């Protein structure tokens, strides 16, 4: 039996954590299109609709019901907001907390906000597929010193059972 596909409207924005981990065996809506039905079996997701624009939001992934009960690291992960560039142009994602397995994460460098497709606003948490930030990158203060496309590098090979990210979505 085929499951119905999730759809969203052009006036809706959803935040989620893109994930390509465990040597590609655990994926969730990787890329700049939001596809919440595109996920590994057992993965529990906590996505959120961004209804008010500016505000504080929390998203997360729980791997404890997957086959191994965790994701052995990742090759790529980012926080995305579908339609963010359209509905909230110029906004910046300010990550205020990252919890991995319930503990505050050690961050290397500074986060920055960007987009690849003029639709999805995103922050690279770990993007090993690039070697720098693009010209569309932005921060709340405009200072790009110390920004990183791999701020969660300390966890690239860790056993990750849960990840939770709290962020402020700020008009710049």
N, C-alpha and C. Protein backbone atom coordinates (compact mmCIF):
# COMPACT_ATOMS: atom_id res chain seq x y z
N UNK A 1 0.85 -1.17 0.00
CA UNK A 1 0.00 0.00 0.00
C UNK A 1 0.89 1.24 0.00
N UNK A 2 0.63 2.14 -0.91
CA UNK A 2 1.42 3.36 -1.04
C UNK A 2 0.93 4.40 -0.04
N UNK A 3 1.89 5.02 0.66
CA UNK A 3 1.55 6.08 1.60
C UNK A 3 1.27 7.38 0.84
N UNK A 4 0.34 8.19 1.36
CA UNK A 4 0.14 9.50 0.72
C UNK A 4 1.38 10.37 0.93
N UNK A 5 1.69 11.14 -0.07
CA UNK A 5 2.86 12.02 0.00
C UNK A 5 2.50 13.31 0.72
N UNK A 6 3.42 13.78 1.57
CA UNK A 6 3.22 15.03 2.29
C UNK A 6 3.35 16.19 1.31
N UNK A 7 2.47 17.14 1.39
CA UNK A 7 2.56 18.34 0.56
C UNK A 7 2.46 19.56 1.46
N UNK A 8 3.00 20.64 0.97
CA UNK A 8 2.90 21.91 1.67
C UNK A 8 2.61 22.97 0.63
N UNK A 9 2.08 24.08 1.09
CA UNK A 9 1.69 25.16 0.20
C UNK A 9 2.82 26.19 0.07
N UNK A 10 2.72 27.04 -0.92
CA UNK A 10 3.74 28.06 -1.17
C UNK A 10 3.81 29.09 -0.04
N UNK A 11 2.74 29.19 0.75
CA UNK A 11 2.74 30.15 1.86
C UNK A 11 3.05 29.49 3.21
N UNK A 12 3.63 28.28 3.17
CA UNK A 12 4.02 27.57 4.38
C UNK A 12 5.53 27.40 4.43
N UNK A 13 6.09 27.51 5.63
CA UNK A 13 7.52 27.28 5.86
C UNK A 13 7.66 26.23 6.96
N UNK A 14 8.52 25.25 6.72
CA UNK A 14 8.80 24.22 7.71
C UNK A 14 10.30 24.15 7.95
N UNK A 15 10.69 24.01 9.22
CA UNK A 15 12.09 23.84 9.59
C UNK A 15 12.33 22.36 9.90
N UNK A 16 13.51 21.86 9.48
CA UNK A 16 13.86 20.47 9.73
C UNK A 16 15.38 20.32 9.69
N UNK A 17 15.86 19.16 10.15
CA UNK A 17 17.28 18.84 10.08
C UNK A 17 17.49 17.86 8.93
N UNK A 18 18.22 18.30 7.91
CA UNK A 18 18.61 17.40 6.82
C UNK A 18 19.69 16.47 7.36
N UNK A 19 19.66 15.20 6.95
CA UNK A 19 20.62 14.24 7.52
C UNK A 19 21.04 13.20 6.50
N UNK A 20 22.32 13.01 6.35
CA UNK A 20 22.89 11.90 5.59
C UNK A 20 23.97 11.30 6.48
N UNK A 21 23.62 10.23 7.19
CA UNK A 21 24.54 9.66 8.17
C UNK A 21 24.64 8.16 8.09
N UNK A 22 25.45 7.62 8.97
CA UNK A 22 25.65 6.18 9.07
C UNK A 22 26.02 5.59 7.70
N UNK A 23 27.01 6.23 7.07
CA UNK A 23 27.49 5.81 5.74
C UNK A 23 26.38 5.78 4.70
N UNK A 24 25.45 6.70 4.82
CA UNK A 24 24.34 6.80 3.86
C UNK A 24 23.16 5.91 4.20
N UNK A 25 23.24 5.14 5.28
CA UNK A 25 22.16 4.23 5.64
C UNK A 25 21.01 4.92 6.36
N UNK A 26 21.26 6.08 6.93
CA UNK A 26 20.20 6.84 7.59
C UNK A 26 20.14 8.22 6.96
N UNK A 27 19.05 8.47 6.26
CA UNK A 27 18.86 9.76 5.61
C UNK A 27 17.52 10.34 6.00
N UNK A 28 17.49 11.67 5.96
CA UNK A 28 16.23 12.36 6.17
C UNK A 28 16.21 13.63 5.33
N UNK A 29 15.32 13.67 4.38
CA UNK A 29 15.03 14.86 3.58
C UNK A 29 16.28 15.67 3.25
N UNK A 30 17.29 14.97 2.70
CA UNK A 30 18.55 15.62 2.33
C UNK A 30 18.32 16.49 1.11
N UNK A 31 18.90 17.66 1.12
CA UNK A 31 18.75 18.59 0.00
C UNK A 31 17.82 19.71 0.38
N UNK A 32 17.59 20.58 -0.55
CA UNK A 32 16.84 21.80 -0.25
C UNK A 32 15.35 21.68 -0.49
N UNK A 33 14.86 20.46 -0.74
CA UNK A 33 13.42 20.23 -0.84
C UNK A 33 12.99 19.49 0.41
N UNK A 34 11.91 19.94 1.02
CA UNK A 34 11.42 19.33 2.25
C UNK A 34 10.54 18.14 1.89
N UNK A 35 11.04 16.94 2.22
CA UNK A 35 10.32 15.70 1.96
C UNK A 35 10.28 14.87 3.25
N UNK A 36 9.36 15.16 4.16
CA UNK A 36 9.34 14.47 5.45
C UNK A 36 9.04 12.98 5.34
N UNK A 37 8.50 12.52 4.21
CA UNK A 37 8.26 11.09 4.03
C UNK A 37 9.52 10.36 3.56
N UNK A 38 10.57 11.11 3.26
CA UNK A 38 11.83 10.54 2.79
C UNK A 38 12.76 10.36 3.98
N UNK A 39 12.53 9.27 4.72
CA UNK A 39 13.34 9.07 5.93
C UNK A 39 13.58 7.59 6.17
N UNK A 40 14.62 7.34 6.93
CA UNK A 40 14.99 5.97 7.30
C UNK A 40 13.91 5.37 8.21
N UNK A 41 13.67 4.06 8.09
CA UNK A 41 12.71 3.41 8.98
C UNK A 41 13.09 3.59 10.45
N UNK A 42 12.11 3.93 11.27
CA UNK A 42 12.32 4.09 12.70
C UNK A 42 12.77 5.48 13.13
N UNK A 43 13.19 6.31 12.18
CA UNK A 43 13.64 7.66 12.52
C UNK A 43 12.45 8.50 12.98
N UNK A 44 12.60 9.12 14.14
CA UNK A 44 11.56 10.00 14.67
C UNK A 44 12.01 11.43 14.43
N UNK A 45 11.15 12.22 13.81
CA UNK A 45 11.50 13.59 13.45
C UNK A 45 10.65 14.58 14.24
N UNK A 46 11.26 15.70 14.54
CA UNK A 46 10.54 16.80 15.18
C UNK A 46 10.77 18.04 14.33
N UNK A 47 9.98 18.16 13.28
CA UNK A 47 10.02 19.33 12.41
C UNK A 47 8.99 20.33 12.95
N UNK A 48 9.09 21.56 12.49
CA UNK A 48 8.15 22.55 13.00
C UNK A 48 7.76 23.52 11.89
N UNK A 49 6.49 23.91 11.88
CA UNK A 49 6.06 24.92 10.93
C UNK A 49 6.46 26.29 11.47
N UNK A 50 7.09 27.07 10.63
CA UNK A 50 7.52 28.42 10.98
C UNK A 50 6.39 29.35 10.55
N UNK A 51 5.50 29.66 11.47
CA UNK A 51 4.29 30.41 11.13
C UNK A 51 4.43 31.90 11.35
N UNK A 52 5.27 32.30 12.30
CA UNK A 52 5.33 33.70 12.67
C UNK A 52 6.53 34.43 12.10
N UNK A 53 7.38 33.71 11.36
CA UNK A 53 8.62 34.35 10.93
C UNK A 53 9.56 34.43 12.10
N UNK A 54 9.85 35.65 12.54
CA UNK A 54 10.77 35.84 13.66
C UNK A 54 10.27 35.11 14.89
N UNK A 55 11.21 34.45 15.57
CA UNK A 55 10.85 33.72 16.78
C UNK A 55 11.89 32.68 17.11
N UNK A 56 11.63 31.92 18.16
CA UNK A 56 12.50 30.84 18.60
C UNK A 56 11.83 29.52 18.28
N UNK A 57 12.59 28.60 17.70
CA UNK A 57 12.07 27.31 17.24
C UNK A 57 13.04 26.20 17.64
N UNK A 58 12.51 24.97 17.79
CA UNK A 58 13.33 23.81 18.08
C UNK A 58 12.95 22.67 17.14
N UNK A 59 13.96 22.02 16.56
CA UNK A 59 13.78 20.86 15.69
C UNK A 59 14.68 19.74 16.20
N UNK A 60 14.39 18.50 15.80
CA UNK A 60 15.23 17.41 16.27
C UNK A 60 15.05 16.14 15.48
N UNK A 61 15.97 15.21 15.71
CA UNK A 61 15.92 13.87 15.16
C UNK A 61 16.23 12.89 16.29
N UNK A 62 15.52 11.76 16.28
CA UNK A 62 15.72 10.72 17.28
C UNK A 62 15.95 9.40 16.52
N UNK A 63 17.15 8.85 16.68
CA UNK A 63 17.56 7.65 15.96
C UNK A 63 17.38 6.38 16.78
N UNK A 64 16.84 6.47 18.00
CA UNK A 64 16.82 5.32 18.89
C UNK A 64 15.92 4.18 18.42
N UNK A 65 14.97 4.43 17.53
CA UNK A 65 14.12 3.36 17.00
C UNK A 65 14.56 2.87 15.63
N UNK A 66 15.72 3.35 15.14
CA UNK A 66 16.26 2.84 13.88
C UNK A 66 16.89 1.46 14.13
N UNK A 67 17.34 0.79 13.08
CA UNK A 67 17.86 -0.57 13.20
C UNK A 67 18.97 -0.70 14.24
N UNK A 68 19.91 0.23 14.27
CA UNK A 68 21.01 0.17 15.24
C UNK A 68 20.73 0.96 16.52
N UNK A 69 19.74 1.83 16.48
CA UNK A 69 19.45 2.66 17.64
C UNK A 69 20.25 3.95 17.68
N UNK A 70 21.03 4.20 16.64
CA UNK A 70 21.84 5.41 16.54
C UNK A 70 22.29 5.58 15.10
N UNK A 71 22.79 6.75 14.80
CA UNK A 71 23.45 7.01 13.52
C UNK A 71 24.93 7.11 13.81
N UNK A 72 25.71 6.29 13.13
CA UNK A 72 27.16 6.37 13.30
C UNK A 72 27.66 7.54 12.45
N UNK A 73 27.66 8.70 13.05
CA UNK A 73 28.15 9.91 12.40
C UNK A 73 27.33 10.34 11.20
N UNK A 74 27.96 11.18 10.37
CA UNK A 74 27.27 11.77 9.22
C UNK A 74 28.30 12.27 8.21
N UNK A 75 27.85 12.42 6.98
CA UNK A 75 28.63 13.06 5.91
C UNK A 75 28.10 14.45 5.62
N UNK A 76 26.82 14.65 5.96
CA UNK A 76 26.17 15.94 5.71
C UNK A 76 25.01 16.10 6.67
N UNK A 77 24.87 17.30 7.22
CA UNK A 77 23.69 17.66 7.98
C UNK A 77 23.55 19.18 7.97
N UNK A 78 22.32 19.62 7.87
CA UNK A 78 22.04 21.06 7.84
C UNK A 78 20.65 21.30 8.43
N UNK A 79 20.42 22.50 8.91
CA UNK A 79 19.10 22.91 9.33
C UNK A 79 18.51 23.71 8.17
N UNK A 80 17.32 23.32 7.71
CA UNK A 80 16.70 24.00 6.58
C UNK A 80 15.34 24.55 6.94
N UNK A 81 14.94 25.61 6.22
CA UNK A 81 13.59 26.15 6.32
C UNK A 81 13.07 26.30 4.89
N UNK A 82 12.19 25.38 4.51
CA UNK A 82 11.62 25.42 3.16
C UNK A 82 10.78 26.69 3.03
N UNK A 83 10.91 27.36 1.90
CA UNK A 83 10.23 28.62 1.57
C UNK A 83 10.71 29.79 2.42
N UNK A 84 11.76 29.59 3.20
CA UNK A 84 12.29 30.67 4.03
C UNK A 84 12.77 31.86 3.22
N UNK A 85 13.42 31.61 2.09
CA UNK A 85 13.93 32.71 1.27
C UNK A 85 12.80 33.49 0.60
N UNK A 86 11.68 32.83 0.37
CA UNK A 86 10.54 33.47 -0.29
C UNK A 86 9.69 34.24 0.73
N UNK A 87 9.34 33.57 1.82
CA UNK A 87 8.44 34.17 2.81
C UNK A 87 9.14 35.13 3.76
N UNK A 88 10.43 34.89 4.03
CA UNK A 88 11.17 35.70 4.99
C UNK A 88 12.53 36.07 4.42
N UNK A 89 12.56 36.82 3.32
CA UNK A 89 13.84 37.12 2.66
C UNK A 89 14.79 37.89 3.57
N UNK A 90 16.05 37.46 3.56
CA UNK A 90 17.08 38.13 4.34
C UNK A 90 17.15 37.72 5.79
N UNK A 91 16.22 36.91 6.27
CA UNK A 91 16.26 36.46 7.66
C UNK A 91 17.52 35.64 7.90
N UNK A 92 17.94 35.59 9.16
CA UNK A 92 19.12 34.85 9.56
C UNK A 92 18.72 33.83 10.62
N UNK A 93 19.28 32.64 10.51
CA UNK A 93 19.10 31.60 11.52
C UNK A 93 20.25 31.73 12.51
N UNK A 94 19.93 32.04 13.74
CA UNK A 94 20.92 32.13 14.82
C UNK A 94 20.74 30.91 15.72
N UNK A 95 21.62 29.92 15.59
CA UNK A 95 21.52 28.72 16.41
C UNK A 95 21.96 29.07 17.83
N UNK A 96 21.07 28.80 18.78
CA UNK A 96 21.36 29.13 20.18
C UNK A 96 21.77 27.91 20.99
N UNK A 97 21.36 26.70 20.54
CA UNK A 97 21.74 25.50 21.27
C UNK A 97 21.68 24.29 20.36
N UNK A 98 22.69 23.44 20.47
CA UNK A 98 22.71 22.14 19.81
C UNK A 98 22.95 21.11 20.89
N UNK A 99 22.01 20.17 21.02
CA UNK A 99 22.17 19.08 21.97
C UNK A 99 22.36 17.78 21.18
N UNK A 100 23.41 17.07 21.49
CA UNK A 100 23.65 15.75 20.89
C UNK A 100 23.63 14.75 22.03
N UNK A 101 22.74 13.77 21.91
CA UNK A 101 22.53 12.78 22.97
C UNK A 101 22.22 13.47 24.30
N UNK A 102 21.50 14.60 24.21
CA UNK A 102 21.07 15.33 25.40
C UNK A 102 22.10 16.25 26.02
N UNK A 103 23.30 16.29 25.44
CA UNK A 103 24.38 17.12 25.98
C UNK A 103 24.70 18.28 25.03
N UNK A 104 25.07 19.45 25.56
CA UNK A 104 25.46 20.56 24.69
C UNK A 104 26.64 20.16 23.78
N UNK A 105 26.51 20.46 22.50
CA UNK A 105 27.54 20.10 21.52
C UNK A 105 28.71 21.07 21.56
N UNK A 106 29.89 20.55 21.26
CA UNK A 106 31.07 21.39 21.10
C UNK A 106 31.09 21.86 19.65
N UNK A 107 31.03 23.16 19.47
CA UNK A 107 30.94 23.78 18.15
C UNK A 107 32.32 24.29 17.74
N UNK A 108 32.69 24.02 16.48
CA UNK A 108 33.94 24.53 15.92
C UNK A 108 33.61 25.63 14.93
N UNK A 109 33.95 26.86 15.24
CA UNK A 109 33.66 27.98 14.36
C UNK A 109 32.27 28.55 14.62
N UNK A 110 31.85 29.41 13.70
CA UNK A 110 30.55 30.08 13.81
C UNK A 110 29.62 29.59 12.71
N UNK A 111 28.33 29.53 13.03
CA UNK A 111 27.32 29.17 12.04
C UNK A 111 27.05 30.37 11.13
N UNK A 112 26.61 30.11 9.91
CA UNK A 112 26.16 31.17 9.01
C UNK A 112 24.93 30.68 8.26
N UNK A 113 24.15 31.60 7.78
CA UNK A 113 22.93 31.31 7.04
C UNK A 113 23.21 31.46 5.56
N UNK A 114 22.60 30.60 4.75
CA UNK A 114 22.81 30.66 3.31
C UNK A 114 21.61 30.06 2.58
N UNK A 115 21.72 29.95 1.28
CA UNK A 115 20.74 29.23 0.46
C UNK A 115 21.41 28.80 -0.82
N UNK A 116 20.91 27.71 -1.37
CA UNK A 116 21.44 27.18 -2.63
C UNK A 116 20.45 27.32 -3.77
N UNK A 117 19.18 27.53 -3.45
CA UNK A 117 18.15 27.44 -4.48
C UNK A 117 17.15 28.58 -4.49
N UNK A 118 17.41 29.64 -3.77
CA UNK A 118 16.52 30.81 -3.69
C UNK A 118 15.18 30.50 -3.05
N UNK A 119 15.03 29.32 -2.47
CA UNK A 119 13.80 28.93 -1.79
C UNK A 119 14.05 28.57 -0.34
N UNK A 120 15.03 27.68 -0.10
CA UNK A 120 15.29 27.14 1.23
C UNK A 120 16.40 27.89 1.94
N UNK A 121 16.09 28.42 3.10
CA UNK A 121 17.10 29.03 3.97
C UNK A 121 17.75 27.89 4.74
N UNK A 122 19.09 27.94 4.90
CA UNK A 122 19.70 26.85 5.65
C UNK A 122 20.98 27.27 6.35
N UNK A 123 21.36 26.42 7.31
CA UNK A 123 22.62 26.53 8.01
C UNK A 123 23.31 25.18 7.90
N UNK A 124 24.51 25.16 7.36
CA UNK A 124 25.28 23.91 7.31
C UNK A 124 25.77 23.60 8.72
N UNK A 125 25.43 22.41 9.19
CA UNK A 125 25.94 21.93 10.47
C UNK A 125 27.22 21.14 10.24
N UNK A 126 27.23 20.39 9.14
CA UNK A 126 28.44 19.73 8.66
C UNK A 126 28.24 19.47 7.17
N UNK A 127 29.02 20.15 6.36
CA UNK A 127 28.92 19.96 4.92
C UNK A 127 30.31 19.65 4.37
N UNK A 128 30.63 18.38 4.30
CA UNK A 128 31.92 17.93 3.78
C UNK A 128 32.00 17.99 2.27
N UNK A 129 30.93 18.39 1.62
CA UNK A 129 30.88 18.43 0.17
C UNK A 129 31.31 19.79 -0.39
N UNK A 130 31.59 20.76 0.48
CA UNK A 130 32.06 22.07 0.05
C UNK A 130 33.37 22.39 0.75
N UNK A 131 34.06 23.41 0.26
CA UNK A 131 35.33 23.77 0.90
C UNK A 131 35.38 25.26 1.24
N UNK A 132 34.21 25.83 1.49
CA UNK A 132 34.14 27.24 1.85
C UNK A 132 32.70 27.69 1.87
N UNK A 133 32.49 28.91 2.28
CA UNK A 133 31.14 29.44 2.27
C UNK A 133 30.92 30.21 0.97
N UNK A 134 29.67 30.26 0.53
CA UNK A 134 29.36 30.89 -0.76
C UNK A 134 29.06 32.38 -0.58
N UNK A 135 28.93 33.06 -1.68
CA UNK A 135 28.70 34.50 -1.65
C UNK A 135 27.34 34.88 -1.06
N UNK A 136 26.42 33.93 -0.95
CA UNK A 136 25.10 34.18 -0.38
C UNK A 136 25.09 34.07 1.14
N UNK A 137 26.21 33.71 1.73
CA UNK A 137 26.31 33.51 3.18
C UNK A 137 26.06 34.83 3.91
N UNK A 138 25.39 34.72 5.07
CA UNK A 138 25.11 35.92 5.86
C UNK A 138 25.09 35.56 7.34
N UNK A 139 25.42 36.55 8.14
CA UNK A 139 25.33 36.45 9.59
C UNK A 139 24.54 37.66 10.08
N UNK A 140 24.13 37.62 11.32
CA UNK A 140 23.32 38.71 11.86
C UNK A 140 24.07 40.04 11.84
N UNK A 141 25.40 39.99 12.08
CA UNK A 141 26.19 41.22 12.13
C UNK A 141 26.98 41.48 10.85
N UNK A 142 26.85 40.60 9.85
CA UNK A 142 27.58 40.77 8.59
C UNK A 142 29.03 40.35 8.65
N UNK A 143 29.54 39.97 9.81
CA UNK A 143 30.92 39.57 9.98
C UNK A 143 31.07 38.09 9.65
N UNK A 144 31.89 37.76 8.66
CA UNK A 144 32.07 36.37 8.25
C UNK A 144 33.32 35.73 8.86
N UNK A 145 34.03 36.46 9.70
CA UNK A 145 35.23 35.91 10.34
C UNK A 145 34.87 34.68 11.18
N UNK A 146 35.59 33.61 10.95
CA UNK A 146 35.42 32.40 11.75
C UNK A 146 34.23 31.54 11.42
N UNK A 147 33.47 31.86 10.34
CA UNK A 147 32.34 31.01 10.01
C UNK A 147 32.85 29.66 9.50
N UNK A 148 32.03 28.64 9.69
CA UNK A 148 32.42 27.29 9.31
C UNK A 148 31.28 26.56 8.64
N UNK A 149 31.59 25.77 7.65
CA UNK A 149 30.61 24.91 6.99
C UNK A 149 30.64 23.53 7.64
N UNK A 150 31.49 23.35 8.69
CA UNK A 150 31.58 22.07 9.41
C UNK A 150 31.62 22.29 10.93
N UNK A 151 30.73 23.09 11.51
CA UNK A 151 30.82 23.37 12.94
C UNK A 151 30.59 22.16 13.85
N UNK A 152 29.99 21.09 13.32
CA UNK A 152 29.80 19.89 14.13
C UNK A 152 30.83 18.81 13.79
N UNK A 153 32.01 19.20 13.35
CA UNK A 153 33.06 18.26 12.96
C UNK A 153 33.43 17.28 14.07
N UNK A 154 33.31 17.70 15.32
CA UNK A 154 33.64 16.82 16.45
C UNK A 154 32.77 15.57 16.50
N UNK A 155 31.65 15.56 15.78
CA UNK A 155 30.68 14.46 15.87
C UNK A 155 30.58 13.65 14.58
N UNK A 156 31.46 13.89 13.63
CA UNK A 156 31.39 13.24 12.32
C UNK A 156 31.35 11.72 12.43
N UNK A 157 32.01 11.14 13.42
CA UNK A 157 32.03 9.68 13.57
C UNK A 157 31.42 9.22 14.89
N UNK A 158 30.70 10.08 15.57
CA UNK A 158 30.11 9.74 16.87
C UNK A 158 28.85 8.89 16.71
N UNK A 159 28.50 8.18 17.78
CA UNK A 159 27.22 7.47 17.83
C UNK A 159 26.18 8.48 18.29
N UNK A 160 25.32 8.88 17.37
CA UNK A 160 24.34 9.91 17.66
C UNK A 160 22.97 9.27 17.80
N UNK A 161 22.42 9.38 19.00
CA UNK A 161 21.10 8.83 19.27
C UNK A 161 20.02 9.90 19.08
N UNK A 162 20.36 11.13 19.47
CA UNK A 162 19.43 12.24 19.29
C UNK A 162 20.21 13.51 18.98
N UNK A 163 19.57 14.38 18.24
CA UNK A 163 20.10 15.72 18.01
C UNK A 163 18.92 16.67 18.08
N UNK A 164 19.11 17.77 18.79
CA UNK A 164 18.07 18.78 18.94
C UNK A 164 18.71 20.15 18.77
N UNK A 165 18.08 20.98 17.97
CA UNK A 165 18.62 22.31 17.68
C UNK A 165 17.57 23.36 17.98
N UNK A 166 17.95 24.33 18.80
CA UNK A 166 17.09 25.49 19.07
C UNK A 166 17.73 26.68 18.37
N UNK A 167 16.89 27.46 17.70
CA UNK A 167 17.40 28.61 16.95
C UNK A 167 16.42 29.77 17.00
N UNK A 168 17.00 30.95 16.87
CA UNK A 168 16.21 32.17 16.68
C UNK A 168 16.19 32.46 15.19
N UNK A 169 15.02 32.76 14.68
CA UNK A 169 14.88 33.18 13.29
C UNK A 169 14.71 34.70 13.34
N UNK A 170 15.67 35.42 12.79
CA UNK A 170 15.79 36.86 13.02
C UNK A 170 15.73 37.62 11.71
N UNK A 171 14.93 38.67 11.68
CA UNK A 171 14.91 39.56 10.52
C UNK A 171 16.15 40.43 10.58
N UNK A 172 16.85 40.48 9.48
CA UNK A 172 18.11 41.25 9.43
C UNK A 172 17.90 42.55 8.71
